[in-house]
Amino acid sequence: MAASFNHTIIAAANREESARFYRDLLEVAAAPSWGPFTNVQLSDGVLLQFAEPPVDIQMQHYAFLVDDDLFDRAYARLSDHGVEHWADPQMRRPGEINHEHGGRGFYVKDPAGHGIELITRPYL
């Protein structure tokens, strides 16, 4: 069997709020949850597990490859709700998208402060 990505645990100040943010942004359904995790499953089966650790949360970066239609809907939702976003990871181009790698992309912070990137074309 070839290796594939299965799941990751994402630290959250409020696991329900963070899971809801990702479900709304990526248009995915809730997944069965257990123990300290609130789960979201992506269409390729990857499980995002949100947990509230007893430590300070260190910012992480998560990038999601989406199609053009989902990108447009996600960007419109963020813009309609006045959510701050940037065209670049250094946050120097607020309220914009980029056109890198032959596609489009933007950066936004999730409720726990993690950097989220949505792109329409892979880097490689």
PDB file of N, CA and C in Angstrom:
ATOM      1  N   MET A   1       0.841  -1.173   0.000  1.00  0.00           N
ATOM      2  CA  MET A   1       0.000   0.000   0.000  1.00  0.00           C
ATOM      3  C   MET A   1       0.891   1.243   0.000  1.00  0.00           C
ATOM      4  N   ALA A   2       0.606   2.171  -0.869  1.00  0.00           N
ATOM      5  CA  ALA A   2       1.335   3.440  -0.903  1.00  0.00           C
ATOM      6  C   ALA A   2       0.911   4.304   0.275  1.00  0.00           C
ATOM      7  N   ALA A   3       1.793   5.169   0.708  1.00  0.00           N
ATOM      8  CA  ALA A   3       1.482   6.072   1.818  1.00  0.00           C
ATOM      9  C   ALA A   3       0.515   7.154   1.356  1.00  0.00           C
ATOM     10  N   SER A   4      -0.418   7.490   2.212  1.00  0.00           N
ATOM     11  CA  SER A   4      -1.322   8.612   1.961  1.00  0.00           C
ATOM     12  C   SER A   4      -1.601   9.292   3.292  1.00  0.00           C
ATOM     13  N   PHE A   5      -1.988  10.549   3.224  1.00  0.00           N
ATOM     14  CA  PHE A   5      -2.249  11.315   4.429  1.00  0.00           C
ATOM     15  C   PHE A   5      -3.610  10.921   4.985  1.00  0.00           C
ATOM     16  N   ASN A   6      -3.681  10.601   6.284  1.00  0.00           N
ATOM     17  CA  ASN A   6      -4.905  10.106   6.894  1.00  0.00           C
ATOM     18  C   ASN A   6      -5.573  11.116   7.812  1.00  0.00           C
ATOM     19  N   HIS A   7      -4.831  11.692   8.767  1.00  0.00           N
ATOM     20  CA  HIS A   7      -5.438  12.647   9.689  1.00  0.00           C
ATOM     21  C   HIS A   7      -4.386  13.522  10.360  1.00  0.00           C
ATOM     22  N   THR A   8      -4.856  14.609  10.939  1.00  0.00           N
ATOM     23  CA  THR A   8      -4.007  15.465  11.744  1.00  0.00           C
ATOM     24  C   THR A   8      -4.840  16.045  12.879  1.00  0.00           C
ATOM     25  N   ILE A   9      -4.192  16.369  13.974  1.00  0.00           N
ATOM     26  CA  ILE A   9      -4.854  17.016  15.102  1.00  0.00           C
ATOM     27  C   ILE A   9      -4.495  18.496  15.051  1.00  0.00           C
ATOM     28  N   ILE A  10      -5.517  19.330  15.079  1.00  0.00           N
ATOM     29  CA  ILE A  10      -5.337  20.774  15.030  1.00  0.00           C
ATOM     30  C   ILE A  10      -5.733  21.346  16.387  1.00  0.00           C
ATOM     31  N   ALA A  11      -4.790  22.024  17.025  1.00  0.00           N
ATOM     32  CA  ALA A  11      -5.057  22.632  18.329  1.00  0.00           C
ATOM     33  C   ALA A  11      -6.038  23.785  18.165  1.00  0.00           C
ATOM     34  N   ALA A  12      -7.000  23.853  19.077  1.00  0.00           N
ATOM     35  CA  ALA A  12      -8.033  24.881  19.004  1.00  0.00           C
ATOM     36  C   ALA A  12      -8.371  25.389  20.399  1.00  0.00           C
ATOM     37  N   ALA A  13      -8.601  26.690  20.503  1.00  0.00           N
ATOM     38  CA  ALA A  13      -9.061  27.256  21.772  1.00  0.00           C
ATOM     39  C   ALA A  13     -10.478  26.772  22.061  1.00  0.00           C
ATOM     40  N   ASN A  14     -11.283  26.635  20.999  1.00  0.00           N
ATOM     41  CA  ASN A  14     -12.650  26.121  21.088  1.00  0.00           C
ATOM     42  C   ASN A  14     -12.826  25.160  19.921  1.00  0.00           C
ATOM     43  N   ARG A  15     -12.787  23.875  20.189  1.00  0.00           N
ATOM     44  CA  ARG A  15     -12.779  22.882  19.103  1.00  0.00           C
ATOM     45  C   ARG A  15     -14.039  22.925  18.251  1.00  0.00           C
ATOM     46  N   GLU A  16     -15.201  23.209  18.848  1.00  0.00           N
ATOM     47  CA  GLU A  16     -16.451  23.292  18.073  1.00  0.00           C
ATOM     48  C   GLU A  16     -16.421  24.487  17.128  1.00  0.00           C
ATOM     49  N   GLU A  17     -15.959  25.631  17.619  1.00  0.00           N
ATOM     50  CA  GLU A  17     -15.876  26.831  16.791  1.00  0.00           C
ATOM     51  C   GLU A  17     -14.908  26.628  15.630  1.00  0.00           C
ATOM     52  N   SER A  18     -13.760  26.043  15.906  1.00  0.00           N
ATOM     53  CA  SER A  18     -12.779  25.803  14.842  1.00  0.00           C
ATOM     54  C   SER A  18     -13.310  24.808  13.816  1.00  0.00           C
ATOM     55  N   ALA A  19     -13.922  23.718  14.259  1.00  0.00           N
ATOM     56  CA  ALA A  19     -14.480  22.729  13.323  1.00  0.00           C
ATOM     57  C   ALA A  19     -15.544  23.378  12.440  1.00  0.00           C
ATOM     58  N   ARG A  20     -16.387  24.204  13.027  1.00  0.00           N
ATOM     59  CA  ARG A  20     -17.433  24.895  12.260  1.00  0.00           C
ATOM     60  C   ARG A  20     -16.807  25.818  11.214  1.00  0.00           C
ATOM     61  N   PHE A  21     -15.731  26.535  11.577  1.00  0.00           N
ATOM     62  CA  PHE A  21     -15.036  27.421  10.641  1.00  0.00           C
ATOM     63  C   PHE A  21     -14.559  26.638   9.420  1.00  0.00           C
ATOM     64  N   TYR A  22     -13.914  25.503   9.637  1.00  0.00           N
ATOM     65  CA  TYR A  22     -13.405  24.686   8.536  1.00  0.00           C
ATOM     66  C   TYR A  22     -14.546  24.076   7.719  1.00  0.00           C
ATOM     67  N   ARG A  23     -15.598  23.613   8.394  1.00  0.00           N
ATOM     68  CA  ARG A  23     -16.748  23.063   7.655  1.00  0.00           C
ATOM     69  C   ARG A  23     -17.345  24.119   6.734  1.00  0.00           C
ATOM     70  N   ASP A  24     -17.513  25.340   7.249  1.00  0.00           N
ATOM     71  CA  ASP A  24     -18.089  26.409   6.435  1.00  0.00           C
ATOM     72  C   ASP A  24     -17.150  26.827   5.312  1.00  0.00           C
ATOM     73  N   LEU A  25     -15.865  26.986   5.609  1.00  0.00           N
ATOM     74  CA  LEU A  25     -14.897  27.428   4.609  1.00  0.00           C
ATOM     75  C   LEU A  25     -14.749  26.413   3.485  1.00  0.00           C
ATOM     76  N   LEU A  26     -14.654  25.130   3.841  1.00  0.00           N
ATOM     77  CA  LEU A  26     -14.371  24.086   2.859  1.00  0.00           C
ATOM     78  C   LEU A  26     -15.606  23.347   2.371  1.00  0.00           C
ATOM     79  N   GLU A  27     -16.774  23.726   2.912  1.00  0.00           N
ATOM     80  CA  GLU A  27     -18.051  23.114   2.527  1.00  0.00           C
ATOM     81  C   GLU A  27     -18.024  21.598   2.692  1.00  0.00           C
ATOM     82  N   VAL A  28     -17.657  21.163   3.884  1.00  0.00           N
ATOM     83  CA  VAL A  28     -17.649  19.733   4.201  1.00  0.00           C
ATOM     84  C   VAL A  28     -18.545  19.487   5.407  1.00  0.00           C
ATOM     85  N   ALA A  29     -19.000  18.267   5.526  1.00  0.00           N
ATOM     86  CA  ALA A  29     -19.910  17.904   6.612  1.00  0.00           C
ATOM     87  C   ALA A  29     -19.130  17.535   7.870  1.00  0.00           C
ATOM     88  N   ALA A  30     -19.833  17.575   8.975  1.00  0.00           N
ATOM     89  CA  ALA A  30     -19.258  17.097  10.226  1.00  0.00           C
ATOM     90  C   ALA A  30     -19.025  15.598  10.109  1.00  0.00           C
ATOM     91  N   ALA A  31     -18.064  15.112  10.837  1.00  0.00           N
ATOM     92  CA  ALA A  31     -17.773  13.680  10.880  1.00  0.00           C
ATOM     93  C   ALA A  31     -18.022  13.194  12.300  1.00  0.00           C
ATOM     94  N   PRO A  32     -18.225  11.891  12.493  1.00  0.00           N
ATOM     95  CA  PRO A  32     -18.365  11.381  13.859  1.00  0.00           C
ATOM     96  C   PRO A  32     -17.171  11.815  14.714  1.00  0.00           C
ATOM     97  N   SER A  33     -17.457  12.253  15.917  1.00  0.00           N
ATOM     98  CA  SER A  33     -16.422  12.724  16.833  1.00  0.00           C
ATOM     99  C   SER A  33     -16.383  11.835  18.062  1.00  0.00           C
ATOM    100  N   TRP A  34     -15.239  11.815  18.742  1.00  0.00           N
ATOM    101  CA  TRP A  34     -15.093  10.993  19.935  1.00  0.00           C
ATOM    102  C   TRP A  34     -14.039  11.613  20.854  1.00  0.00           C
ATOM    103  N   GLY A  35     -14.122  11.237  22.105  1.00  0.00           N
ATOM    104  CA  GLY A  35     -13.134  11.679  23.087  1.00  0.00           C
ATOM    105  C   GLY A  35     -12.915  13.175  23.051  1.00  0.00           C
ATOM    106  N   PRO A  36     -11.656  13.610  23.011  1.00  0.00           N
ATOM    107  CA  PRO A  36     -11.364  15.044  23.044  1.00  0.00           C
ATOM    108  C   PRO A  36     -11.413  15.713  21.668  1.00  0.00           C
ATOM    109  N   PHE A  37     -11.898  14.999  20.642  1.00  0.00           N
ATOM    110  CA  PHE A  37     -11.844  15.504  19.270  1.00  0.00           C
ATOM    111  C   PHE A  37     -13.215  15.862  18.707  1.00  0.00           C
ATOM    112  N   THR A  38     -13.251  16.976  17.984  1.00  0.00           N
ATOM    113  CA  THR A  38     -14.368  17.304  17.107  1.00  0.00           C
ATOM    114  C   THR A  38     -13.809  17.180  15.705  1.00  0.00           C
ATOM    115  N   ASN A  39     -14.400  16.308  14.896  1.00  0.00           N
ATOM    116  CA  ASN A  39     -13.817  15.912  13.622  1.00  0.00           C
ATOM    117  C   ASN A  39     -14.526  16.508  12.414  1.00  0.00           C
ATOM    118  N   VAL A  40     -13.738  16.751  11.383  1.00  0.00           N
ATOM    119  CA  VAL A  40     -14.208  17.178  10.066  1.00  0.00           C
ATOM    120  C   VAL A  40     -13.506  16.281   9.057  1.00  0.00           C
ATOM    121  N   GLN A  41     -14.264  15.741   8.103  1.00  0.00           N
ATOM    122  CA  GLN A  41     -13.646  14.869   7.104  1.00  0.00           C
ATOM    123  C   GLN A  41     -13.703  15.530   5.737  1.00  0.00           C
ATOM    124  N   LEU A  42     -12.546  15.614   5.082  1.00  0.00           N
ATOM    125  CA  LEU A  42     -12.462  16.172   3.739  1.00  0.00           C
ATOM    126  C   LEU A  42     -12.939  15.144   2.721  1.00  0.00           C
ATOM    127  N   SER A  43     -13.210  15.595   1.518  1.00  0.00           N
ATOM    128  CA  SER A  43     -13.776  14.705   0.505  1.00  0.00           C
ATOM    129  C   SER A  43     -12.853  13.548   0.144  1.00  0.00           C
ATOM    130  N   ASP A  44     -11.531  13.702   0.339  1.00  0.00           N
ATOM    131  CA  ASP A  44     -10.593  12.619   0.018  1.00  0.00           C
ATOM    132  C   ASP A  44     -10.382  11.677   1.195  1.00  0.00           C
ATOM    133  N   GLY A  45     -11.164  11.870   2.273  1.00  0.00           N
ATOM    134  CA  GLY A  45     -11.086  10.987   3.425  1.00  0.00           C
ATOM    135  C   GLY A  45     -10.191  11.473   4.549  1.00  0.00           C
ATOM    136  N   VAL A  46      -9.397  12.512   4.316  1.00  0.00           N
ATOM    137  CA  VAL A  46      -8.518  13.027   5.363  1.00  0.00           C
ATOM    138  C   VAL A  46      -9.369  13.585   6.502  1.00  0.00           C
ATOM    139  N   LEU A  47      -9.009  13.213   7.721  1.00  0.00           N
ATOM    140  CA  LEU A  47      -9.735  13.638   8.907  1.00  0.00           C
ATOM    141  C   LEU A  47      -8.974  14.758   9.602  1.00  0.00           C
ATOM    142  N   LEU A  48      -9.670  15.879   9.841  1.00  0.00           N
ATOM    143  CA  LEU A  48      -9.134  16.968  10.648  1.00  0.00           C
ATOM    144  C   LEU A  48      -9.749  16.818  12.023  1.00  0.00           C
ATOM    145  N   GLN A  49      -8.916  16.661  13.040  1.00  0.00           N
ATOM    146  CA  GLN A  49      -9.387  16.454  14.401  1.00  0.00           C
ATOM    147  C   GLN A  49      -9.020  17.672  15.242  1.00  0.00           C
ATOM    148  N   PHE A  50     -10.023  18.359  15.758  1.00  0.00           N
ATOM    149  CA  PHE A  50      -9.811  19.565  16.548  1.00  0.00           C
ATOM    150  C   PHE A  50      -9.859  19.209  18.020  1.00  0.00           C
ATOM    151  N   ALA A  51      -8.849  19.669  18.771  1.00  0.00           N
ATOM    152  CA  ALA A  51      -8.752  19.371  20.197  1.00  0.00           C
ATOM    153  C   ALA A  51      -8.317  20.627  20.937  1.00  0.00           C
ATOM    154  N   GLU A  52      -8.692  20.699  22.200  1.00  0.00           N
ATOM    155  CA  GLU A  52      -8.333  21.823  23.058  1.00  0.00           C
ATOM    156  C   GLU A  52      -7.202  21.383  23.985  1.00  0.00           C
ATOM    157  N   PRO A  53      -5.953  21.640  23.587  1.00  0.00           N
ATOM    158  CA  PRO A  53      -4.822  21.178  24.406  1.00  0.00           C
ATOM    159  C   PRO A  53      -4.663  22.040  25.660  1.00  0.00           C
ATOM    160  N   PRO A  54      -4.046  21.474  26.669  1.00  0.00           N
ATOM    161  CA  PRO A  54      -3.813  22.238  27.906  1.00  0.00           C
ATOM    162  C   PRO A  54      -2.537  23.078  27.853  1.00  0.00           C
ATOM    163  N   VAL A  55      -2.152  23.507  26.660  1.00  0.00           N
ATOM    164  CA  VAL A  55      -0.946  24.315  26.476  1.00  0.00           C
ATOM    165  C   VAL A  55      -1.266  25.489  25.560  1.00  0.00           C
ATOM    166  N   ASP A  56      -0.368  26.458  25.509  1.00  0.00           N
ATOM    167  CA  ASP A  56      -0.541  27.557  24.571  1.00  0.00           C
ATOM    168  C   ASP A  56      -0.492  27.013  23.147  1.00  0.00           C
ATOM    169  N   ILE A  57      -1.320  27.567  22.299  1.00  0.00           N
ATOM    170  CA  ILE A  57      -1.400  27.114  20.908  1.00  0.00           C
ATOM    171  C   ILE A  57      -0.352  27.838  20.075  1.00  0.00           C
ATOM    172  N   GLN A  58       0.466  27.068  19.387  1.00  0.00           N
ATOM    173  CA  GLN A  58       1.447  27.613  18.466  1.00  0.00           C
ATOM    174  C   GLN A  58       0.845  27.621  17.066  1.00  0.00           C
ATOM    175  N   MET A  59       1.025  28.728  16.366  1.00  0.00           N
ATOM    176  CA  MET A  59       0.453  28.860  15.032  1.00  0.00           C
ATOM    177  C   MET A  59       1.035  27.817  14.077  1.00  0.00           C
ATOM    178  N   GLN A  60       0.163  27.186  13.312  1.00  0.00           N
ATOM    179  CA  GLN A  60       0.541  26.249  12.261  1.00  0.00           C
ATOM    180  C   GLN A  60      -0.009  26.767  10.938  1.00  0.00           C
ATOM    181  N   HIS A  61       0.423  26.168   9.842  1.00  0.00           N
ATOM    182  CA  HIS A  61      -0.050  26.552   8.509  1.00  0.00           C
ATOM    183  C   HIS A  61      -0.690  25.332   7.855  1.00  0.00           C
ATOM    184  N   TYR A  62      -1.901  25.527   7.333  1.00  0.00           N
ATOM    185  CA  TYR A  62      -2.613  24.461   6.633  1.00  0.00           C
ATOM    186  C   TYR A  62      -3.077  25.010   5.288  1.00  0.00           C
ATOM    187  N   ALA A  63      -2.690  24.335   4.203  1.00  0.00           N
ATOM    188  CA  ALA A  63      -3.062  24.766   2.857  1.00  0.00           C
ATOM    189  C   ALA A  63      -4.018  23.747   2.253  1.00  0.00           C
ATOM    190  N   PHE A  64      -5.059  24.255   1.604  1.00  0.00           N
ATOM    191  CA  PHE A  64      -6.073  23.403   0.997  1.00  0.00           C
ATOM    192  C   PHE A  64      -6.179  23.731  -0.488  1.00  0.00           C
ATOM    193  N   LEU A  65      -6.088  22.693  -1.310  1.00  0.00           N
ATOM    194  CA  LEU A  65      -6.273  22.812  -2.748  1.00  0.00           C
ATOM    195  C   LEU A  65      -7.759  22.651  -3.031  1.00  0.00           C
ATOM    196  N   VAL A  66      -8.366  23.667  -3.629  1.00  0.00           N
ATOM    197  CA  VAL A  66      -9.807  23.654  -3.910  1.00  0.00           C
ATOM    198  C   VAL A  66     -10.040  23.978  -5.379  1.00  0.00           C
ATOM    199  N   ASP A  67     -11.218  23.620  -5.882  1.00  0.00           N
ATOM    200  CA  ASP A  67     -11.525  23.985  -7.264  1.00  0.00           C
ATOM    201  C   ASP A  67     -11.952  25.457  -7.323  1.00  0.00           C
ATOM    202  N   ASP A  68     -12.051  25.976  -8.540  1.00  0.00           N
ATOM    203  CA  ASP A  68     -12.368  27.393  -8.719  1.00  0.00           C
ATOM    204  C   ASP A  68     -13.723  27.775  -8.136  1.00  0.00           C
ATOM    205  N   ASP A  69     -14.709  26.900  -8.259  1.00  0.00           N
ATOM    206  CA  ASP A  69     -16.042  27.217  -7.741  1.00  0.00           C
ATOM    207  C   ASP A  69     -16.042  27.334  -6.220  1.00  0.00           C
ATOM    208  N   LEU A  70     -15.412  26.379  -5.545  1.00  0.00           N
ATOM    209  CA  LEU A  70     -15.344  26.444  -4.087  1.00  0.00           C
ATOM    210  C   LEU A  70     -14.522  27.661  -3.657  1.00  0.00           C
ATOM    211  N   PHE A  71     -13.440  27.939  -4.352  1.00  0.00           N
ATOM    212  CA  PHE A  71     -12.639  29.125  -4.045  1.00  0.00           C
ATOM    213  C   PHE A  71     -13.515  30.383  -4.093  1.00  0.00           C
ATOM    214  N   ASP A  72     -14.282  30.529  -5.170  1.00  0.00           N
ATOM    215  CA  ASP A  72     -15.148  31.709  -5.320  1.00  0.00           C
ATOM    216  C   ASP A  72     -16.164  31.803  -4.187  1.00  0.00           C
ATOM    217  N   ARG A  73     -16.795  30.685  -3.844  1.00  0.00           N
ATOM    218  CA  ARG A  73     -17.803  30.699  -2.770  1.00  0.00           C
ATOM    219  C   ARG A  73     -17.166  31.006  -1.421  1.00  0.00           C
ATOM    220  N   ALA A  74     -16.016  30.387  -1.126  1.00  0.00           N
ATOM    221  CA  ALA A  74     -15.341  30.627   0.146  1.00  0.00           C
ATOM    222  C   ALA A  74     -14.891  32.084   0.249  1.00  0.00           C
ATOM    223  N   TYR A  75     -14.331  32.594  -0.822  1.00  0.00           N
ATOM    224  CA  TYR A  75     -13.865  33.981  -0.814  1.00  0.00           C
ATOM    225  C   TYR A  75     -15.044  34.944  -0.638  1.00  0.00           C
ATOM    226  N   ALA A  76     -16.145  34.669  -1.298  1.00  0.00           N
ATOM    227  CA  ALA A  76     -17.333  35.523  -1.169  1.00  0.00           C
ATOM    228  C   ALA A  76     -17.865  35.494   0.264  1.00  0.00           C
ATOM    229  N   ARG A  77     -17.915  34.301   0.881  1.00  0.00           N
ATOM    230  CA  ARG A  77     -18.396  34.208   2.267  1.00  0.00           C
ATOM    231  C   ARG A  77     -17.514  35.011   3.215  1.00  0.00           C
ATOM    232  N   LEU A  78     -16.194  34.856   3.084  1.00  0.00           N
ATOM    233  CA  LEU A  78     -15.282  35.607   3.944  1.00  0.00           C
ATOM    234  C   LEU A  78     -15.439  37.110   3.737  1.00  0.00           C
ATOM    235  N   SER A  79     -15.501  37.522   2.490  1.00  0.00           N
ATOM    236  CA  SER A  79     -15.647  38.945   2.179  1.00  0.00           C
ATOM    237  C   SER A  79     -16.975  39.492   2.700  1.00  0.00           C
ATOM    238  N   ASP A  80     -18.053  38.733   2.496  1.00  0.00           N
ATOM    239  CA  ASP A  80     -19.380  39.169   2.959  1.00  0.00           C
ATOM    240  C   ASP A  80     -19.434  39.329   4.472  1.00  0.00           C
ATOM    241  N   HIS A  81     -18.660  38.515   5.188  1.00  0.00           N
ATOM    242  CA  HIS A  81     -18.645  38.580   6.651  1.00  0.00           C
ATOM    243  C   HIS A  81     -17.521  39.466   7.195  1.00  0.00           C
ATOM    244  N   GLY A  82     -16.807  40.139   6.310  1.00  0.00           N
ATOM    245  CA  GLY A  82     -15.754  41.055   6.741  1.00  0.00           C
ATOM    246  C   GLY A  82     -14.568  40.376   7.401  1.00  0.00           C
ATOM    247  N   VAL A  83     -14.314  39.105   7.046  1.00  0.00           N
ATOM    248  CA  VAL A  83     -13.189  38.375   7.631  1.00  0.00           C
ATOM    249  C   VAL A  83     -11.893  38.855   6.972  1.00  0.00           C
ATOM    250  N   GLU A  84     -10.942  39.234   7.796  1.00  0.00           N
ATOM    251  CA  GLU A  84      -9.664  39.709   7.290  1.00  0.00           C
ATOM    252  C   GLU A  84      -8.923  38.578   6.574  1.00  0.00           C
ATOM    253  N   HIS A  85      -8.367  38.888   5.421  1.00  0.00           N
ATOM    254  CA  HIS A  85      -7.620  37.909   4.633  1.00  0.00           C
ATOM    255  C   HIS A  85      -6.559  38.644   3.832  1.00  0.00           C
ATOM    256  N   TRP A  86      -5.601  37.882   3.307  1.00  0.00           N
ATOM    257  CA  TRP A  86      -4.467  38.479   2.626  1.00  0.00           C
ATOM    258  C   TRP A  86      -4.114  37.673   1.376  1.00  0.00           C
ATOM    259  N   ALA A  87      -3.416  38.332   0.452  1.00  0.00           N
ATOM    260  CA  ALA A  87      -2.918  37.659  -0.747  1.00  0.00           C
ATOM    261  C   ALA A  87      -1.581  36.985  -0.484  1.00  0.00           C
ATOM    262  N   ASP A  88      -0.942  37.295   0.637  1.00  0.00           N
ATOM    263  CA  ASP A  88       0.403  36.809   0.900  1.00  0.00           C
ATOM    264  C   ASP A  88       0.534  36.338   2.349  1.00  0.00           C
ATOM    265  N   PRO A  89       1.457  35.406   2.613  1.00  0.00           N
ATOM    266  CA  PRO A  89       1.610  34.889   3.972  1.00  0.00           C
ATOM    267  C   PRO A  89       2.213  35.905   4.946  1.00  0.00           C
ATOM    268  N   GLN A  90       2.844  36.946   4.431  1.00  0.00           N
ATOM    269  CA  GLN A  90       3.395  37.974   5.304  1.00  0.00           C
ATOM    270  C   GLN A  90       2.336  38.990   5.736  1.00  0.00           C
ATOM    271  N   MET A  91       1.138  38.859   5.216  1.00  0.00           N
ATOM    272  CA  MET A  91      -0.017  39.712   5.533  1.00  0.00           C
ATOM    273  C   MET A  91       0.246  41.177   5.185  1.00  0.00           C
ATOM    274  N   ARG A  92       0.885  41.393   4.033  1.00  0.00           N
ATOM    275  CA  ARG A  92       1.163  42.756   3.564  1.00  0.00           C
ATOM    276  C   ARG A  92       0.162  43.228   2.518  1.00  0.00           C
ATOM    277  N   ARG A  93      -0.658  42.301   2.011  1.00  0.00           N
ATOM    278  CA  ARG A  93      -1.631  42.649   0.962  1.00  0.00           C
ATOM    279  C   ARG A  93      -3.034  42.274   1.427  1.00  0.00           C
ATOM    280  N   PRO A  94      -3.585  43.042   2.377  1.00  0.00           N
ATOM    281  CA  PRO A  94      -4.900  42.709   2.916  1.00  0.00           C
ATOM    282  C   PRO A  94      -6.013  42.903   1.886  1.00  0.00           C
ATOM    283  N   GLY A  95      -7.042  42.068   2.012  1.00  0.00           N
ATOM    284  CA  GLY A  95      -8.220  42.203   1.162  1.00  0.00           C
ATOM    285  C   GLY A  95      -8.005  41.817  -0.283  1.00  0.00           C
ATOM    286  N   GLU A  96      -6.924  41.107  -0.574  1.00  0.00           N
ATOM    287  CA  GLU A  96      -6.613  40.723  -1.954  1.00  0.00           C
ATOM    288  C   GLU A  96      -6.446  39.211  -2.067  1.00  0.00           C
ATOM    289  N   ILE A  97      -6.421  38.740  -3.319  1.00  0.00           N
ATOM    290  CA  ILE A  97      -6.038  37.363  -3.612  1.00  0.00           C
ATOM    291  C   ILE A  97      -4.761  37.412  -4.443  1.00  0.00           C
ATOM    292  N   ASN A  98      -4.073  36.280  -4.557  1.00  0.00           N
ATOM    293  CA  ASN A  98      -2.883  36.225  -5.407  1.00  0.00           C
ATOM    294  C   ASN A  98      -3.181  35.371  -6.633  1.00  0.00           C
ATOM    295  N   HIS A  99      -2.272  35.417  -7.583  1.00  0.00           N
ATOM    296  CA  HIS A  99      -2.403  34.644  -8.829  1.00  0.00           C
ATOM    297  C   HIS A  99      -1.128  33.832  -9.043  1.00  0.00           C
ATOM    298  N   GLU A 100      -0.694  33.150  -7.986  1.00  0.00           N
ATOM    299  CA  GLU A 100       0.536  32.374  -8.016  1.00  0.00           C
ATOM    300  C   GLU A 100       0.322  31.004  -8.662  1.00  0.00           C
ATOM    301  N   HIS A 101       1.358  30.469  -9.237  1.00  0.00           N
ATOM    302  CA  HIS A 101       1.393  29.098  -9.763  1.00  0.00           C
ATOM    303  C   HIS A 101       0.280  28.821 -10.771  1.00  0.00           C
ATOM    304  N   GLY A 102      -0.151  29.851 -11.499  1.00  0.00           N
ATOM    305  CA  GLY A 102      -1.173  29.678 -12.521  1.00  0.00           C
ATOM    306  C   GLY A 102      -2.586  29.574 -11.973  1.00  0.00           C
ATOM    307  N   GLY A 103      -2.773  29.893 -10.723  1.00  0.00           N
ATOM    308  CA  GLY A 103      -4.101  29.823 -10.115  1.00  0.00           C
ATOM    309  C   GLY A 103      -4.358  31.036  -9.245  1.00  0.00           C
ATOM    310  N   ARG A 104      -5.186  30.844  -8.242  1.00  0.00           N
ATOM    311  CA  ARG A 104      -5.503  31.922  -7.307  1.00  0.00           C
ATOM    312  C   ARG A 104      -5.357  31.398  -5.884  1.00  0.00           C
ATOM    313  N   GLY A 105      -5.121  32.308  -4.951  1.00  0.00           N
ATOM    314  CA  GLY A 105      -4.994  31.908  -3.566  1.00  0.00           C
ATOM    315  C   GLY A 105      -5.200  33.059  -2.613  1.00  0.00           C
ATOM    316  N   PHE A 106      -5.456  32.722  -1.358  1.00  0.00           N
ATOM    317  CA  PHE A 106      -5.511  33.718  -0.293  1.00  0.00           C
ATOM    318  C   PHE A 106      -5.203  33.049   1.038  1.00  0.00           C
ATOM    319  N   TYR A 107      -4.928  33.877   2.025  1.00  0.00           N
ATOM    320  CA  TYR A 107      -4.593  33.439   3.381  1.00  0.00           C
ATOM    321  C   TYR A 107      -5.592  34.055   4.350  1.00  0.00           C
ATOM    322  N   VAL A 108      -5.942  33.286   5.365  1.00  0.00           N
ATOM    323  CA  VAL A 108      -6.866  33.740   6.405  1.00  0.00           C
ATOM    324  C   VAL A 108      -6.463  33.036   7.690  1.00  0.00           C
ATOM    325  N   LYS A 109      -6.816  33.602   8.825  1.00  0.00           N
ATOM    326  CA  LYS A 109      -6.530  32.940  10.108  1.00  0.00           C
ATOM    327  C   LYS A 109      -7.794  32.261  10.608  1.00  0.00           C
ATOM    328  N   ASP A 110      -7.650  31.069  11.151  1.00  0.00           N
ATOM    329  CA  ASP A 110      -8.798  30.373  11.733  1.00  0.00           C
ATOM    330  C   ASP A 110      -9.029  30.906  13.150  1.00  0.00           C
ATOM    331  N   PRO A 111     -10.096  30.468  13.831  1.00  0.00           N
ATOM    332  CA  PRO A 111     -10.388  31.000  15.164  1.00  0.00           C
ATOM    333  C   PRO A 111      -9.273  30.801  16.193  1.00  0.00           C
ATOM    334  N   ALA A 112      -8.412  29.799  16.006  1.00  0.00           N
ATOM    335  CA  ALA A 112      -7.306  29.567  16.940  1.00  0.00           C
ATOM    336  C   ALA A 112      -6.037  30.316  16.535  1.00  0.00           C
ATOM    337  N   GLY A 113      -6.065  31.007  15.394  1.00  0.00           N
ATOM    338  CA  GLY A 113      -4.906  31.767  14.938  1.00  0.00           C
ATOM    339  C   GLY A 113      -4.007  31.048  13.955  1.00  0.00           C
ATOM    340  N   HIS A 114      -4.407  29.857  13.506  1.00  0.00           N
ATOM    341  CA  HIS A 114      -3.620  29.135  12.513  1.00  0.00           C
ATOM    342  C   HIS A 114      -3.766  29.808  11.153  1.00  0.00           C
ATOM    343  N   GLY A 115      -2.703  29.762  10.355  1.00  0.00           N
ATOM    344  CA  GLY A 115      -2.731  30.314   9.013  1.00  0.00           C
ATOM    345  C   GLY A 115      -3.319  29.306   8.042  1.00  0.00           C
ATOM    346  N   ILE A 116      -4.390  29.702   7.368  1.00  0.00           N
ATOM    347  CA  ILE A 116      -5.067  28.840   6.394  1.00  0.00           C
ATOM    348  C   ILE A 116      -4.834  29.432   5.012  1.00  0.00           C
ATOM    349  N   GLU A 117      -4.483  28.582   4.081  1.00  0.00           N
ATOM    350  CA  GLU A 117      -4.267  28.996   2.701  1.00  0.00           C
ATOM    351  C   GLU A 117      -5.199  28.206   1.807  1.00  0.00           C
ATOM    352  N   LEU A 118      -5.935  28.893   0.948  1.00  0.00           N
ATOM    353  CA  LEU A 118      -6.728  28.240  -0.082  1.00  0.00           C
ATOM    354  C   LEU A 118      -6.091  28.555  -1.417  1.00  0.00           C
ATOM    355  N   ILE A 119      -5.838  27.503  -2.222  1.00  0.00           N
ATOM    356  CA  ILE A 119      -5.233  27.671  -3.544  1.00  0.00           C
ATOM    357  C   ILE A 119      -6.019  26.863  -4.559  1.00  0.00           C
ATOM    358  N   THR A 120      -5.987  27.332  -5.798  1.00  0.00           N
ATOM    359  CA  THR A 120      -6.706  26.619  -6.863  1.00  0.00           C
ATOM    360  C   THR A 120      -5.776  25.793  -7.754  1.00  0.00           C
ATOM    361  N   ARG A 121      -4.468  25.957  -7.613  1.00  0.00           N
ATOM    362  CA  ARG A 121      -3.496  25.157  -8.357  1.00  0.00           C
ATOM    363  C   ARG A 121      -2.393  24.715  -7.401  1.00  0.00           C
ATOM    364  N   PRO A 122      -1.946  23.479  -7.532  1.00  0.00           N
ATOM    365  CA  PRO A 122      -0.864  23.024  -6.648  1.00  0.00           C
ATOM    366  C   PRO A 122       0.448  23.720  -7.000  1.00  0.00           C
ATOM    367  N   TYR A 123       1.331  23.796  -6.041  1.00  0.00           N
ATOM    368  CA  TYR A 123       2.633  24.412  -6.263  1.00  0.00           C
ATOM    369  C   TYR A 123       3.473  23.600  -7.232  1.00  0.00           C
ATOM    370  N   LEU A 124       3.333  22.288  -7.209  1.00  0.00           N
ATOM    371  CA  LEU A 124       4.118  21.401  -8.083  1.00  0.00           C
ATOM    372  C   LEU A 124       3.211  20.664  -9.020  1.00  0.00           C
TER     373      LEU A 124
END
